């Protein structure tokens, strides 16, 4: 791999690190699962069935919003939240690239070991 490719990969990894960190929390993952269907939900709706307070849910939503996977839209006195798949598509592309590089490295290792 060229130094330019490594540098590009490192830059992408650094850019995606906040999203991975945000997704590293079980509560935030469950919120994303609720929002995944393309519908907008209020904080009250997202709190239903949870042991967490509205304030706790809001805090988690703000973390997700800060990395771009959720967007809040103000409707009167209420905020409605929706999932934005763009950051997840970018992460999938990054993970596909890393997976391809590992496959290539393992193939080279296999050839080396078998010779």
N, C-alpha and C. Protein backbone atom coordinates (compact mmCIF):
# COMPACT_ATOMS: atom_id res chain seq x y z
N UNK A 1 0.84 -1.17 0.00
CA UNK A 1 0.00 0.00 0.00
C UNK A 1 0.90 1.24 0.00
N UNK A 2 0.54 2.21 -0.80
CA UNK A 2 1.36 3.42 -0.89
C UNK A 2 1.16 4.28 0.35
N UNK A 3 2.11 5.18 0.57
CA UNK A 3 2.01 6.07 1.73
C UNK A 3 0.80 6.99 1.59
N UNK A 4 0.44 7.35 0.37
CA UNK A 4 -0.74 8.18 0.15
C UNK A 4 -2.01 7.43 0.55
N UNK A 5 -2.09 6.15 0.20
CA UNK A 5 -3.25 5.33 0.58
C UNK A 5 -3.35 5.18 2.09
N UNK A 6 -2.18 4.94 2.73
CA UNK A 6 -2.18 4.83 4.19
C UNK A 6 -2.62 6.13 4.83
N UNK A 7 -2.14 7.24 4.30
CA UNK A 7 -2.50 8.56 4.83
C UNK A 7 -3.99 8.82 4.66
N UNK A 8 -4.51 8.46 3.50
CA UNK A 8 -5.95 8.64 3.24
C UNK A 8 -6.79 7.77 4.17
N UNK A 9 -6.35 6.54 4.35
CA UNK A 9 -7.06 5.63 5.24
C UNK A 9 -7.03 6.13 6.68
N UNK A 10 -5.89 6.64 7.10
CA UNK A 10 -5.77 7.18 8.46
C UNK A 10 -6.68 8.39 8.63
N UNK A 11 -6.76 9.23 7.61
CA UNK A 11 -7.62 10.41 7.69
C UNK A 11 -9.09 9.99 7.77
N UNK A 12 -9.46 8.99 7.01
CA UNK A 12 -10.84 8.50 7.05
C UNK A 12 -11.15 7.88 8.41
N UNK A 13 -10.19 7.13 8.94
CA UNK A 13 -10.38 6.51 10.25
C UNK A 13 -10.58 7.59 11.30
N UNK A 14 -9.76 8.60 11.25
CA UNK A 14 -9.87 9.71 12.21
C UNK A 14 -11.21 10.43 12.07
N UNK A 15 -11.66 10.61 10.84
CA UNK A 15 -12.94 11.29 10.61
C UNK A 15 -14.12 10.47 11.13
N UNK A 16 -14.02 9.15 11.06
CA UNK A 16 -15.13 8.28 11.48
C UNK A 16 -15.09 7.92 12.96
N UNK A 17 -13.99 8.18 13.64
CA UNK A 17 -13.85 7.80 15.04
C UNK A 17 -14.98 8.34 15.92
N UNK A 18 -15.40 9.60 15.78
CA UNK A 18 -16.50 10.09 16.63
C UNK A 18 -17.81 9.32 16.42
N UNK A 19 -18.06 8.89 15.19
CA UNK A 19 -19.29 8.11 14.94
C UNK A 19 -19.20 6.76 15.63
N UNK A 20 -18.04 6.09 15.50
CA UNK A 20 -17.86 4.81 16.19
C UNK A 20 -18.02 4.98 17.70
N UNK A 21 -17.47 6.06 18.24
CA UNK A 21 -17.58 6.32 19.67
C UNK A 21 -19.04 6.52 20.07
N UNK A 22 -19.77 7.27 19.27
CA UNK A 22 -21.19 7.51 19.57
C UNK A 22 -21.99 6.21 19.51
N UNK A 23 -21.63 5.33 18.59
CA UNK A 23 -22.36 4.07 18.43
C UNK A 23 -21.93 3.02 19.45
N UNK A 24 -20.93 3.35 20.24
CA UNK A 24 -20.44 2.40 21.24
C UNK A 24 -21.28 2.33 22.49
N UNK A 25 -22.40 2.99 22.51
CA UNK A 25 -23.28 2.99 23.67
C UNK A 25 -24.58 2.25 23.35
N UNK A 26 -24.96 1.33 24.20
CA UNK A 26 -26.15 0.50 23.97
C UNK A 26 -27.43 1.32 23.84
N UNK A 27 -27.56 2.35 24.66
CA UNK A 27 -28.76 3.20 24.61
C UNK A 27 -28.84 3.92 23.27
N UNK A 28 -27.73 4.45 22.81
CA UNK A 28 -27.74 5.16 21.52
C UNK A 28 -28.03 4.20 20.37
N UNK A 29 -27.52 2.99 20.47
CA UNK A 29 -27.84 2.00 19.43
C UNK A 29 -29.33 1.66 19.41
N UNK A 30 -29.93 1.56 20.58
CA UNK A 30 -31.37 1.27 20.62
C UNK A 30 -32.18 2.45 20.10
N UNK A 31 -31.72 3.66 20.35
CA UNK A 31 -32.40 4.83 19.78
C UNK A 31 -32.31 4.82 18.26
N UNK A 32 -31.14 4.49 17.74
CA UNK A 32 -31.00 4.40 16.28
C UNK A 32 -31.90 3.33 15.69
N UNK A 33 -32.03 2.22 16.39
CA UNK A 33 -32.91 1.14 15.91
C UNK A 33 -34.35 1.64 15.81
N UNK A 34 -34.79 2.45 16.77
CA UNK A 34 -36.15 3.01 16.72
C UNK A 34 -36.29 4.00 15.58
N UNK A 35 -35.25 4.78 15.34
CA UNK A 35 -35.30 5.82 14.32
C UNK A 35 -35.04 5.31 12.91
N UNK A 36 -34.53 4.11 12.79
CA UNK A 36 -34.07 3.57 11.51
C UNK A 36 -35.17 3.50 10.44
N UNK A 37 -36.40 3.34 10.82
CA UNK A 37 -37.49 3.14 9.86
C UNK A 37 -37.85 4.35 9.02
N UNK A 38 -37.22 5.48 9.26
CA UNK A 38 -37.50 6.65 8.44
C UNK A 38 -38.57 7.57 9.00
N UNK A 39 -39.07 7.26 10.17
CA UNK A 39 -40.09 8.10 10.78
C UNK A 39 -39.44 9.07 11.76
N UNK A 40 -40.10 10.18 11.99
CA UNK A 40 -39.65 11.14 13.00
C UNK A 40 -40.33 10.81 14.32
N UNK A 41 -39.55 10.90 15.40
CA UNK A 41 -40.09 10.61 16.73
C UNK A 41 -39.77 11.76 17.68
N UNK A 42 -40.70 12.02 18.56
CA UNK A 42 -40.47 13.01 19.61
C UNK A 42 -39.67 12.35 20.73
N UNK A 43 -39.14 13.19 21.61
CA UNK A 43 -38.41 12.66 22.76
C UNK A 43 -39.34 11.81 23.63
N UNK A 44 -40.58 12.24 23.77
CA UNK A 44 -41.56 11.46 24.56
C UNK A 44 -41.77 10.08 23.95
N UNK A 45 -41.89 10.02 22.63
CA UNK A 45 -42.09 8.73 21.97
C UNK A 45 -40.85 7.84 22.13
N UNK A 46 -39.69 8.45 22.05
CA UNK A 46 -38.46 7.67 22.20
C UNK A 46 -38.23 7.22 23.64
N UNK A 47 -38.81 7.93 24.59
CA UNK A 47 -38.67 7.57 26.00
C UNK A 47 -39.61 6.42 26.39
N UNK A 48 -40.73 6.28 25.66
CA UNK A 48 -41.70 5.22 25.97
C UNK A 48 -41.03 3.86 26.01
N UNK A 49 -41.32 3.10 27.03
CA UNK A 49 -40.77 1.75 27.17
C UNK A 49 -39.34 1.72 27.67
N UNK A 50 -38.82 2.86 28.04
CA UNK A 50 -37.45 2.94 28.53
C UNK A 50 -37.46 3.31 30.01
N UNK A 51 -36.44 2.91 30.70
CA UNK A 51 -36.30 3.28 32.11
C UNK A 51 -35.61 4.64 32.24
N UNK A 52 -35.19 5.20 31.12
CA UNK A 52 -34.46 6.47 31.13
C UNK A 52 -35.41 7.66 31.13
N UNK A 53 -34.93 8.75 31.65
CA UNK A 53 -35.71 9.99 31.67
C UNK A 53 -35.63 10.67 30.31
N UNK A 54 -36.51 11.65 30.12
CA UNK A 54 -36.48 12.44 28.89
C UNK A 54 -35.12 13.15 28.77
N UNK A 55 -34.60 13.61 29.90
CA UNK A 55 -33.31 14.32 29.89
C UNK A 55 -32.18 13.39 29.43
N UNK A 56 -32.21 12.16 29.90
CA UNK A 56 -31.18 11.19 29.51
C UNK A 56 -31.29 10.87 28.01
N UNK A 57 -32.51 10.67 27.54
CA UNK A 57 -32.72 10.39 26.11
C UNK A 57 -32.24 11.58 25.29
N UNK A 58 -32.56 12.78 25.75
CA UNK A 58 -32.14 14.00 25.05
C UNK A 58 -30.62 14.07 24.96
N UNK A 59 -29.95 13.74 26.04
CA UNK A 59 -28.48 13.76 26.06
C UNK A 59 -27.92 12.79 25.02
N UNK A 60 -28.47 11.60 24.95
CA UNK A 60 -28.01 10.61 23.97
C UNK A 60 -28.31 11.08 22.54
N UNK A 61 -29.47 11.69 22.34
CA UNK A 61 -29.82 12.19 21.01
C UNK A 61 -28.86 13.31 20.58
N UNK A 62 -28.46 14.13 21.51
CA UNK A 62 -27.52 15.22 21.19
C UNK A 62 -26.16 14.66 20.76
N UNK A 63 -25.74 13.57 21.38
CA UNK A 63 -24.48 12.93 20.98
C UNK A 63 -24.62 12.40 19.55
N UNK A 64 -25.73 11.72 19.27
CA UNK A 64 -25.96 11.20 17.92
C UNK A 64 -26.09 12.33 16.90
N UNK A 65 -26.70 13.41 17.31
CA UNK A 65 -26.85 14.57 16.44
C UNK A 65 -25.50 15.22 16.15
N UNK A 66 -24.63 15.24 17.13
CA UNK A 66 -23.31 15.87 16.96
C UNK A 66 -22.44 15.15 15.94
N UNK A 67 -22.69 13.86 15.72
CA UNK A 67 -21.91 13.11 14.71
C UNK A 67 -22.69 12.93 13.42
N UNK A 68 -23.89 13.50 13.36
CA UNK A 68 -24.65 13.53 12.11
C UNK A 68 -25.53 12.35 11.78
N UNK A 69 -25.67 11.38 12.68
CA UNK A 69 -26.50 10.23 12.36
C UNK A 69 -27.97 10.46 12.71
N UNK A 70 -28.25 11.54 13.43
CA UNK A 70 -29.61 11.91 13.80
C UNK A 70 -29.76 13.42 13.59
N UNK A 71 -30.93 13.81 13.15
CA UNK A 71 -31.22 15.24 13.00
C UNK A 71 -32.51 15.56 13.75
N UNK A 72 -32.48 16.65 14.46
CA UNK A 72 -33.67 17.12 15.15
C UNK A 72 -34.31 18.25 14.38
N UNK A 73 -35.64 18.22 14.32
CA UNK A 73 -36.41 19.24 13.64
C UNK A 73 -37.41 19.79 14.64
N UNK A 74 -37.40 21.09 14.82
CA UNK A 74 -38.29 21.74 15.78
C UNK A 74 -39.66 21.90 15.14
N UNK A 75 -40.70 21.41 15.81
CA UNK A 75 -42.08 21.55 15.37
C UNK A 75 -42.87 22.10 16.55
N UNK A 76 -43.10 23.40 16.53
CA UNK A 76 -43.76 24.02 17.67
C UNK A 76 -42.88 23.93 18.90
N UNK A 77 -43.44 23.39 19.96
CA UNK A 77 -42.68 23.22 21.21
C UNK A 77 -41.94 21.91 21.26
N UNK A 78 -42.10 21.11 20.25
CA UNK A 78 -41.55 19.76 20.27
C UNK A 78 -40.42 19.60 19.26
N UNK A 79 -39.46 18.78 19.61
CA UNK A 79 -38.40 18.41 18.67
C UNK A 79 -38.66 16.99 18.19
N UNK A 80 -38.60 16.81 16.89
CA UNK A 80 -38.75 15.49 16.30
C UNK A 80 -37.39 15.08 15.75
N UNK A 81 -37.04 13.84 15.97
CA UNK A 81 -35.73 13.34 15.56
C UNK A 81 -35.89 12.28 14.49
N UNK A 82 -34.93 12.29 13.55
CA UNK A 82 -34.93 11.31 12.47
C UNK A 82 -33.52 10.84 12.18
N UNK A 83 -33.41 9.65 11.65
CA UNK A 83 -32.14 9.02 11.31
C UNK A 83 -31.63 9.58 9.99
N UNK A 84 -30.32 9.82 9.90
CA UNK A 84 -29.67 10.23 8.66
C UNK A 84 -28.68 9.13 8.28
N UNK A 85 -28.95 8.39 7.21
CA UNK A 85 -28.10 7.25 6.88
C UNK A 85 -26.75 7.60 6.25
N UNK A 86 -26.54 8.86 5.84
CA UNK A 86 -25.30 9.21 5.13
C UNK A 86 -24.04 8.85 5.90
N UNK A 87 -23.90 9.22 7.18
CA UNK A 87 -22.67 8.84 7.89
C UNK A 87 -22.48 7.33 7.97
N UNK A 88 -23.56 6.59 8.05
CA UNK A 88 -23.46 5.13 8.13
C UNK A 88 -23.01 4.55 6.79
N UNK A 89 -23.46 5.13 5.70
CA UNK A 89 -23.00 4.67 4.38
C UNK A 89 -21.50 4.92 4.23
N UNK A 90 -21.05 6.09 4.70
CA UNK A 90 -19.63 6.41 4.63
C UNK A 90 -18.80 5.44 5.46
N UNK A 91 -19.31 5.09 6.63
CA UNK A 91 -18.60 4.13 7.49
C UNK A 91 -18.58 2.75 6.84
N UNK A 92 -19.67 2.37 6.21
CA UNK A 92 -19.70 1.07 5.52
C UNK A 92 -18.65 1.04 4.40
N UNK A 93 -18.55 2.12 3.65
CA UNK A 93 -17.53 2.20 2.60
C UNK A 93 -16.13 2.06 3.19
N UNK A 94 -15.90 2.74 4.30
CA UNK A 94 -14.60 2.66 4.97
C UNK A 94 -14.32 1.23 5.43
N UNK A 95 -15.30 0.60 6.07
CA UNK A 95 -15.12 -0.77 6.56
C UNK A 95 -14.93 -1.74 5.41
N UNK A 96 -15.62 -1.52 4.29
CA UNK A 96 -15.41 -2.36 3.11
C UNK A 96 -13.97 -2.24 2.61
N UNK A 97 -13.44 -1.02 2.60
CA UNK A 97 -12.06 -0.80 2.17
C UNK A 97 -11.08 -1.51 3.11
N UNK A 98 -11.28 -1.37 4.40
CA UNK A 98 -10.41 -2.03 5.38
C UNK A 98 -10.50 -3.54 5.23
N UNK A 99 -11.70 -4.05 5.03
CA UNK A 99 -11.90 -5.49 4.85
C UNK A 99 -11.16 -5.99 3.61
N UNK A 100 -11.25 -5.22 2.54
CA UNK A 100 -10.56 -5.59 1.30
C UNK A 100 -9.04 -5.61 1.52
N UNK A 101 -8.53 -4.64 2.24
CA UNK A 101 -7.09 -4.60 2.51
C UNK A 101 -6.66 -5.79 3.35
N UNK A 102 -7.47 -6.16 4.33
CA UNK A 102 -7.14 -7.33 5.15
C UNK A 102 -7.19 -8.61 4.32
N UNK A 103 -8.18 -8.72 3.44
CA UNK A 103 -8.26 -9.89 2.57
C UNK A 103 -7.01 -10.01 1.69
N UNK A 104 -6.56 -8.87 1.16
CA UNK A 104 -5.35 -8.88 0.33
C UNK A 104 -4.13 -9.26 1.15
N UNK A 105 -4.02 -8.72 2.35
CA UNK A 105 -2.88 -9.04 3.22
C UNK A 105 -2.88 -10.52 3.59
N UNK A 106 -4.03 -11.07 3.89
CA UNK A 106 -4.11 -12.49 4.24
C UNK A 106 -3.80 -13.37 3.03
N UNK A 107 -4.21 -12.94 1.84
CA UNK A 107 -3.88 -13.71 0.63
C UNK A 107 -2.37 -13.73 0.40
N UNK A 108 -1.74 -12.57 0.60
CA UNK A 108 -0.27 -12.52 0.46
C UNK A 108 0.41 -13.40 1.49
N UNK A 109 -0.08 -13.39 2.70
CA UNK A 109 0.49 -14.24 3.76
C UNK A 109 0.32 -15.71 3.42
N UNK A 110 -0.85 -16.04 2.91
CA UNK A 110 -1.11 -17.44 2.54
C UNK A 110 -0.14 -17.88 1.45
N UNK A 111 0.06 -17.04 0.44
CA UNK A 111 1.01 -17.37 -0.62
C UNK A 111 2.43 -17.53 -0.07
N UNK A 112 2.81 -16.67 0.83
CA UNK A 112 4.14 -16.72 1.44
C UNK A 112 4.32 -18.02 2.24
N UNK A 113 3.32 -18.37 3.02
CA UNK A 113 3.40 -19.57 3.86
C UNK A 113 3.40 -20.84 3.02
N UNK A 114 2.63 -20.86 1.96
CA UNK A 114 2.50 -22.06 1.13
C UNK A 114 3.71 -22.29 0.23
N UNK A 115 4.51 -21.26 -0.03
CA UNK A 115 5.69 -21.44 -0.89
C UNK A 115 6.84 -22.05 -0.17
